[in-house]
Protein backbone atom coordinates (compact mmCIF):
# COMPACT_ATOMS: atom_id res chain seq x y z
CA MET A 1 97.28 92.02 20.27
CA GLN A 2 95.57 88.80 19.24
CA LYS A 3 95.92 87.98 15.44
CA VAL A 4 93.16 86.92 13.30
CA VAL A 5 93.43 85.13 9.81
CA THR A 6 90.58 85.25 7.42
CA PHE A 7 90.40 82.96 4.07
CA GLY A 8 88.28 83.21 0.96
CA GLU A 9 87.89 84.85 -2.39
CA ILE A 10 88.53 88.51 -3.12
CA MET A 11 87.20 89.86 -6.58
CA LEU A 12 87.37 92.89 -8.69
CA ARG A 13 84.13 94.60 -8.20
CA LEU A 14 82.77 96.66 -11.38
CA ALA A 15 79.83 98.86 -10.35
CA THR A 16 77.47 101.04 -12.13
CA PRO A 17 77.67 104.81 -11.11
CA ASP A 18 74.86 106.91 -10.00
CA TYR A 19 72.41 104.32 -9.56
CA LYS A 20 72.28 103.48 -13.31
CA ARG A 21 71.29 100.04 -14.79
CA PHE A 22 73.86 98.01 -16.47
CA ILE A 23 72.06 98.95 -19.98
CA GLN A 24 72.44 102.68 -19.21
CA SER A 25 76.05 102.73 -18.21
CA ASP A 26 78.89 103.73 -20.48
CA HIS A 27 81.66 103.05 -17.67
CA LEU A 28 82.02 101.03 -14.43
CA THR A 29 83.64 102.05 -11.23
CA ALA A 30 86.51 99.42 -10.11
CA THR A 31 87.01 98.52 -6.56
CA PHE A 32 87.64 95.00 -4.81
CA GLY A 33 85.81 93.08 -2.42
CA GLY A 34 84.82 89.69 -1.09
CA GLY A 35 83.41 88.64 2.42
CA GLU A 36 86.47 87.51 4.28
CA ALA A 37 88.63 90.33 2.57
CA ASN A 38 86.02 92.74 3.92
CA VAL A 39 86.30 91.47 7.40
CA ALA A 40 90.00 91.71 7.42
CA VAL A 41 89.88 95.18 6.13
CA SER A 42 87.63 96.08 8.94
CA LEU A 43 89.94 94.56 11.67
CA ALA A 44 93.05 96.21 10.29
CA ASN A 45 90.98 99.48 10.58
CA TYR A 46 90.33 98.77 14.48
CA GLY A 47 94.14 98.14 14.92
CA ILE A 48 93.90 94.37 15.11
CA PRO A 49 96.68 92.34 13.29
CA VAL A 50 94.98 90.46 10.49
CA GLU A 51 96.11 88.16 7.62
CA PHE A 52 93.97 87.34 4.42
CA VAL A 53 94.76 84.09 2.74
CA THR A 54 93.62 83.40 -0.69
CA ARG A 55 94.97 82.51 -4.24
CA LEU A 56 95.51 84.91 -7.01
CA PRO A 57 97.06 84.74 -10.32
CA GLU A 58 100.30 86.31 -11.42
CA ASN A 59 99.23 89.14 -13.20
CA ASP A 60 98.97 93.15 -12.87
CA ILE A 61 95.06 92.90 -11.72
CA ALA A 62 96.13 90.53 -8.91
CA GLY A 63 98.96 92.71 -8.09
CA TRP A 64 96.64 95.74 -7.94
CA CYS A 65 94.53 93.76 -5.74
CA VAL A 66 97.23 92.79 -3.35
CA ALA A 67 98.47 96.51 -3.05
CA GLU A 68 95.03 97.52 -2.23
CA LEU A 69 95.00 95.08 0.89
CA ARG A 70 98.39 96.20 1.78
CA LYS A 71 97.12 99.96 1.71
CA MET A 72 94.67 98.96 4.13
CA ASN A 73 97.18 97.34 6.56
CA VAL A 74 95.92 93.90 5.98
CA GLY A 75 98.73 91.13 5.98
CA THR A 76 99.39 89.51 2.54
CA GLY A 77 102.33 87.25 3.04
CA HIS A 78 100.30 84.02 2.99
CA ILE A 79 98.71 84.87 -0.63
CA LEU A 80 99.59 82.22 -3.06
CA ARG A 81 100.18 82.75 -6.63
CA GLY A 82 98.75 80.56 -9.18
CA GLY A 83 95.77 79.95 -11.48
CA GLU A 84 94.69 82.08 -14.58
CA ARG A 85 92.13 84.69 -13.22
CA VAL A 86 90.53 86.91 -10.48
CA GLY A 87 87.18 86.35 -9.92
CA ILE A 88 84.74 89.48 -10.95
CA TYR A 89 81.35 90.84 -9.67
CA PHE A 90 79.22 93.33 -11.58
CA LEU A 91 76.88 95.60 -9.26
CA GLU A 92 73.83 97.40 -10.30
CA THR A 93 72.90 99.53 -7.39
CA GLY A 94 69.01 99.61 -6.76
CA ALA A 95 66.88 102.39 -5.65
CA VAL A 96 63.55 102.63 -3.69
CA ALA A 97 61.23 99.75 -5.02
CA ARG A 98 64.17 98.40 -7.46
CA PRO A 99 66.54 96.11 -5.85
CA SER A 100 70.33 96.01 -6.47
CA LYS A 101 71.54 93.22 -8.83
CA VAL A 102 74.57 91.07 -8.74
CA VAL A 103 76.29 89.19 -11.77
CA TYR A 104 79.09 86.94 -11.02
CA ASP A 105 81.95 85.95 -13.41
CA ARG A 106 84.13 83.93 -11.16
CA ALA A 107 84.18 80.50 -12.65
CA HIS A 108 87.71 78.68 -12.61
CA SER A 109 89.08 81.67 -10.65
CA SER A 110 92.38 80.88 -8.99
CA ILE A 111 90.83 80.33 -5.57
CA ALA A 112 88.29 78.06 -7.11
CA GLU A 113 91.05 75.62 -8.09
CA VAL A 114 92.57 75.19 -4.55
CA GLY A 115 92.41 71.76 -2.56
CA LYS A 116 93.47 69.89 0.39
CA GLY A 117 97.24 70.47 0.82
CA THR A 118 97.43 73.72 -1.05
CA PHE A 119 98.02 75.81 2.08
CA ASN A 120 100.05 75.18 4.96
CA TRP A 121 97.76 75.76 7.60
CA LYS A 122 99.69 74.83 10.53
CA GLU A 123 102.41 77.52 9.42
CA ILE A 124 99.58 80.21 8.70
CA LEU A 125 97.91 79.71 11.91
CA LYS A 126 100.85 79.05 14.16
CA ASP A 127 100.53 82.72 15.75
CA ALA A 128 96.97 83.08 15.29
CA SER A 129 94.27 83.35 17.86
CA TRP A 130 91.10 83.53 15.38
CA PHE A 131 90.14 81.94 12.01
CA HIS A 132 87.20 83.33 9.91
CA TRP A 133 85.64 81.78 6.89
CA THR A 134 82.31 82.33 5.20
CA GLY A 135 79.93 80.03 3.58
CA ILE A 136 80.95 81.58 0.23
CA THR A 137 84.10 79.84 0.02
CA PRO A 138 83.03 76.13 0.12
CA ALA A 139 80.22 77.16 -2.48
CA LEU A 140 82.80 78.07 -5.06
CA SER A 141 84.30 74.30 -5.61
CA GLN A 142 84.86 71.00 -4.07
CA GLY A 143 88.42 71.92 -3.57
CA ALA A 144 87.71 75.25 -2.11
CA ALA A 145 85.33 73.30 0.57
CA ASP A 146 88.28 70.90 1.16
CA ALA A 147 90.74 73.60 1.89
CA CYS A 148 88.26 75.45 4.13
CA LEU A 149 87.63 72.01 6.10
CA GLU A 150 91.49 71.38 6.45
CA ALA A 151 91.84 74.90 7.75
CA ILE A 152 89.22 74.64 10.32
CA ARG A 153 90.35 71.20 11.53
CA THR A 154 93.83 72.73 11.87
CA ALA A 155 92.52 75.77 13.99
CA ASN A 156 90.84 73.34 16.29
CA GLU A 157 93.82 71.23 16.51
CA LEU A 158 95.75 74.45 17.62
CA GLY A 159 93.16 75.92 19.90
CA VAL A 160 92.37 78.72 17.52
CA THR A 161 88.66 80.16 17.68
CA VAL A 162 86.89 79.80 14.41
CA SER A 163 84.05 81.74 13.38
CA CYS A 164 81.88 81.60 10.16
CA ASP A 165 79.29 83.74 8.58
CA LEU A 166 76.88 81.16 6.83
CA ASN A 167 76.57 83.47 3.90
CA TYR A 168 74.17 81.59 1.73
CA ARG A 169 74.54 82.47 -2.00
CA LYS A 170 72.22 80.23 -3.95
CA ASN A 171 73.79 81.29 -7.23
CA LEU A 172 77.23 80.05 -6.47
CA TRP A 173 76.47 76.28 -5.50
CA LYS A 174 76.90 75.03 -8.93
CA TYR A 175 79.37 72.27 -8.63
CA GLY A 176 76.93 69.50 -7.92
CA LYS A 177 76.83 69.68 -4.06
CA LYS A 178 74.12 71.47 -2.01
CA ALA A 179 75.02 73.68 0.78
CA SER A 180 73.15 71.42 3.10
CA GLU A 181 75.68 68.50 2.15
CA VAL A 182 78.73 70.40 2.68
CA MET A 183 78.17 73.26 5.30
CA PRO A 184 77.28 70.90 8.44
CA GLY A 185 80.72 69.34 8.29
CA LEU A 186 82.38 72.73 8.40
CA VAL A 187 80.08 74.35 10.89
CA LYS A 188 80.70 71.66 13.51
CA GLY A 189 84.18 72.86 14.02
CA CYS A 190 83.09 76.54 14.57
CA ASP A 191 83.08 78.49 17.95
CA ILE A 192 81.19 81.56 16.67
CA ILE A 193 78.32 81.39 14.04
CA LEU A 194 76.73 84.32 12.42
CA GLY A 195 73.77 84.37 9.87
CA ASN A 196 71.15 86.76 8.79
CA GLU A 197 67.31 86.18 8.94
CA GLU A 198 67.26 83.45 6.36
CA ASP A 199 70.54 81.80 6.33
CA ALA A 200 69.83 79.03 9.07
CA GLU A 201 66.65 78.27 6.81
CA LYS A 202 68.28 78.04 3.75
CA VAL A 203 71.45 75.92 4.73
CA PHE A 204 69.95 73.75 7.49
CA GLY A 205 66.05 74.20 7.40
CA ILE A 206 66.11 76.07 10.77
CA LYS A 207 63.58 78.85 10.90
CA PRO A 208 61.51 80.84 13.32
CA GLU A 209 57.72 80.09 13.11
CA GLY A 210 55.67 82.46 11.13
CA PHE A 211 58.58 84.70 9.89
CA GLN A 212 59.02 85.48 6.21
CA VAL A 213 61.97 87.55 5.31
CA GLU A 214 60.00 89.11 2.26
CA HIS A 215 57.60 90.72 4.63
CA THR A 216 60.06 92.29 6.80
CA ALA A 217 59.50 96.02 6.10
CA GLY A 218 60.50 97.96 9.08
CA GLU A 219 61.32 96.07 12.31
CA VAL A 220 62.37 92.59 12.90
CA ASP A 221 61.43 91.08 16.16
CA ALA A 222 64.77 89.84 17.75
CA GLY A 223 62.80 87.51 20.08
CA GLU A 224 61.63 85.50 17.18
CA PHE A 225 65.12 84.33 16.67
CA GLU A 226 66.00 82.92 20.20
CA SER A 227 64.72 79.45 19.02
CA VAL A 228 66.66 79.66 15.79
CA CYS A 229 70.02 80.34 17.98
CA LYS A 230 68.99 77.54 20.28
CA GLN A 231 68.67 75.04 17.55
CA LEU A 232 71.80 75.95 16.02
CA MET A 233 73.79 75.08 19.19
CA ARG A 234 72.06 71.99 19.69
CA GLU A 235 73.14 71.01 16.03
CA PHE A 236 76.29 72.31 16.67
CA PRO A 237 77.40 71.62 20.16
CA ARG A 238 80.88 73.16 19.72
CA ALA A 239 79.50 76.77 19.21
CA LYS A 240 79.63 78.84 22.17
CA LYS A 241 77.72 82.02 20.46
CA VAL A 242 75.13 82.36 17.76
CA ILE A 243 74.47 85.74 16.24
CA ILE A 244 71.77 86.87 13.97
CA THR A 245 71.73 90.05 12.07
CA LEU A 246 68.02 91.54 11.60
CA ARG A 247 67.40 93.72 8.70
CA GLY A 248 63.92 95.45 7.95
CA SER A 249 63.74 96.35 4.17
CA ILE A 250 61.48 99.53 3.70
CA ASN A 251 62.98 99.93 0.37
CA ALA A 252 66.69 99.65 -1.37
CA ASN A 253 67.58 102.87 0.30
CA HIS A 254 65.84 102.60 3.66
CA ASN A 255 66.38 99.61 6.07
CA THR A 256 66.38 99.10 9.73
CA TRP A 257 69.13 97.32 11.22
CA GLY A 258 70.02 95.40 14.48
CA GLY A 259 71.17 92.02 15.62
CA CYS A 260 70.93 89.61 18.47
CA LEU A 261 73.52 87.17 20.18
CA TYR A 262 72.66 84.12 22.12
CA SER A 263 75.31 82.59 24.38
CA ASP A 264 74.08 82.16 28.30
CA LYS A 265 71.05 84.20 27.21
CA LEU A 266 69.78 86.33 24.35
CA TYR A 267 71.21 89.75 23.95
CA GLN A 268 69.47 92.42 21.67
CA SER A 269 70.95 95.43 20.00
CA GLY A 270 69.22 98.85 19.62
CA ARG A 271 67.97 99.27 15.96
CA TYR A 272 69.26 101.84 13.54
CA ASP A 273 67.04 103.50 10.92
CA ILE A 274 69.36 103.98 7.89
CA THR A 275 67.28 106.19 5.53
CA HIS A 276 69.73 107.09 2.92
CA ILE A 277 71.62 104.05 2.25
CA VAL A 278 75.00 104.75 0.10
CA ASP A 279 75.97 100.97 -0.33
CA ARG A 280 74.86 98.15 1.62
CA VAL A 281 77.12 95.40 0.01
CA GLY A 282 79.45 94.35 2.60
CA GLY A 283 76.84 95.20 5.50
CA GLY A 284 77.17 91.71 6.99
CA ASP A 285 81.00 91.63 6.69
CA SER A 286 81.14 94.96 8.51
CA PHE A 287 79.11 93.40 11.18
CA MET A 288 81.29 90.14 11.36
CA GLY A 289 84.48 92.42 11.59
CA GLY A 290 82.89 94.39 14.30
CA LEU A 291 81.65 91.38 16.23
CA ILE A 292 85.35 89.89 16.17
CA CYS A 293 86.67 93.29 17.37
CA GLY A 294 84.08 93.51 20.06
CA LEU A 295 84.52 90.13 21.37
CA LEU A 296 88.39 90.46 21.40
CA THR A 297 88.23 93.84 22.96
CA TYR A 298 85.39 93.88 25.47
CA THR A 299 86.00 90.40 26.89
CA GLY A 300 83.06 88.98 28.77
CA ASP A 301 80.74 91.58 27.60
CA ASP A 302 78.69 90.24 24.85
CA GLN A 303 76.07 93.05 25.06
CA LYS A 304 78.80 95.69 24.20
CA ALA A 305 80.55 93.59 21.60
CA LEU A 306 76.98 93.02 19.89
CA ASP A 307 76.35 96.73 20.10
CA PHE A 308 79.94 97.58 18.60
CA ALA A 309 79.17 95.17 15.75
CA VAL A 310 75.71 96.69 14.90
CA ALA A 311 77.06 100.39 15.26
CA ALA A 312 79.99 99.50 12.91
CA SER A 313 77.87 97.85 10.26
CA CYS A 314 75.38 100.93 10.40
CA LEU A 315 78.23 103.22 9.71
CA LYS A 316 79.32 100.87 6.57
CA HIS A 317 76.00 101.61 4.96
CA THR A 318 77.17 105.05 4.52
CA ILE A 319 80.48 104.16 2.71
CA TYR A 320 81.00 103.26 -0.94
CA GLY A 321 82.52 99.98 -1.88
CA ASP A 322 82.91 96.75 0.01
CA PHE A 323 85.26 97.89 2.76
CA ASN A 324 84.15 99.32 6.11
CA LEU A 325 86.50 102.35 6.29
CA VAL A 326 85.70 103.53 10.06
CA SER A 327 87.82 103.64 13.30
CA VAL A 328 86.97 102.35 16.82
CA PRO A 329 86.49 106.00 18.14
CA GLU A 330 83.84 106.50 15.21
CA VAL A 331 81.89 103.24 16.12
CA GLU A 332 82.04 103.95 19.77
CA THR A 333 80.63 107.58 19.36
CA LEU A 334 77.53 106.07 17.64
CA MET A 335 77.28 103.51 20.21
CA LYS A 336 76.86 106.23 22.74
CA GLY A 337 74.00 107.52 20.86
CA ASP A 338 75.68 110.42 18.55
CA GLY A 339 74.29 109.65 15.13
CA SER A 340 73.72 113.32 14.31
CA GLY A 341 76.30 113.58 11.58
CA ARG A 342 77.45 116.95 12.55
CA VAL A 343 80.73 118.08 11.15
CA VAL A 344 83.74 117.26 13.19
CA ARG A 345 86.00 120.48 13.42
């Protein structure tokens, strides 16, 4: 079985219960989450060996976090200890016309203070077949961007497949660099590129003509994004596949969900109508986890890999927390068209 390594920040998540606003809540529910850690948990649930790499302080909160990852069968042997704090994010879950809200408290977290030479990437990646990162990591600090670039270059030297989720977060780029200045140098080392409807535009200025993400109530036309995929592949010739997730937001609780993949041609998934979202945080990460699993499992069948990713992330919308806690048989059942939700006895 091929081993996957993911690299980034994991945070303590403090969320209001029962759709309450921050100002209404007298307590918060504590879990953990973060883009690359979420991908790692998905892969572990699918039975794929996976190692999550980060830096955490030497305290009990960090110990709790590592224990949660181990409980999910995620490898933690290359997590470094140092620095002063675990990053935190606060989540207020929206409903109907009121969107969800995220407040970050992650400045000066342990991972933000890493740099070139912090991690021994040749040792970490020596037995790996896949390395995954997201655009969140280089947004944290120049040092984190340098460490990420070092990992990508080492993976390229070792012949390890590199994937990235562009994951643009405007509220994170605060250390004096823009995403458009940093990301191209990292993405040019990637074999697989994932983005959502607006990531390519926000980071690289690449967009489908006439498309506005604010007006995506209901269906999003996958065909509109073929040009985006082709432009990204021209810009980053190493890339073998470009994938776009397609979310139509009817309201905070009701979305349509699908995706498209471009390699030798454009592949399109079916569309899911998710009418009662439990938790959409981590939806893109669950897609990425499903995609990596699909590409490793259904070798040469891009359509089936895409369908697995979309079904996996559809199921994530029914699960509370950042992590997608589903199995391969559950995803494949939905892929086959059984979305009835009938009790399994």
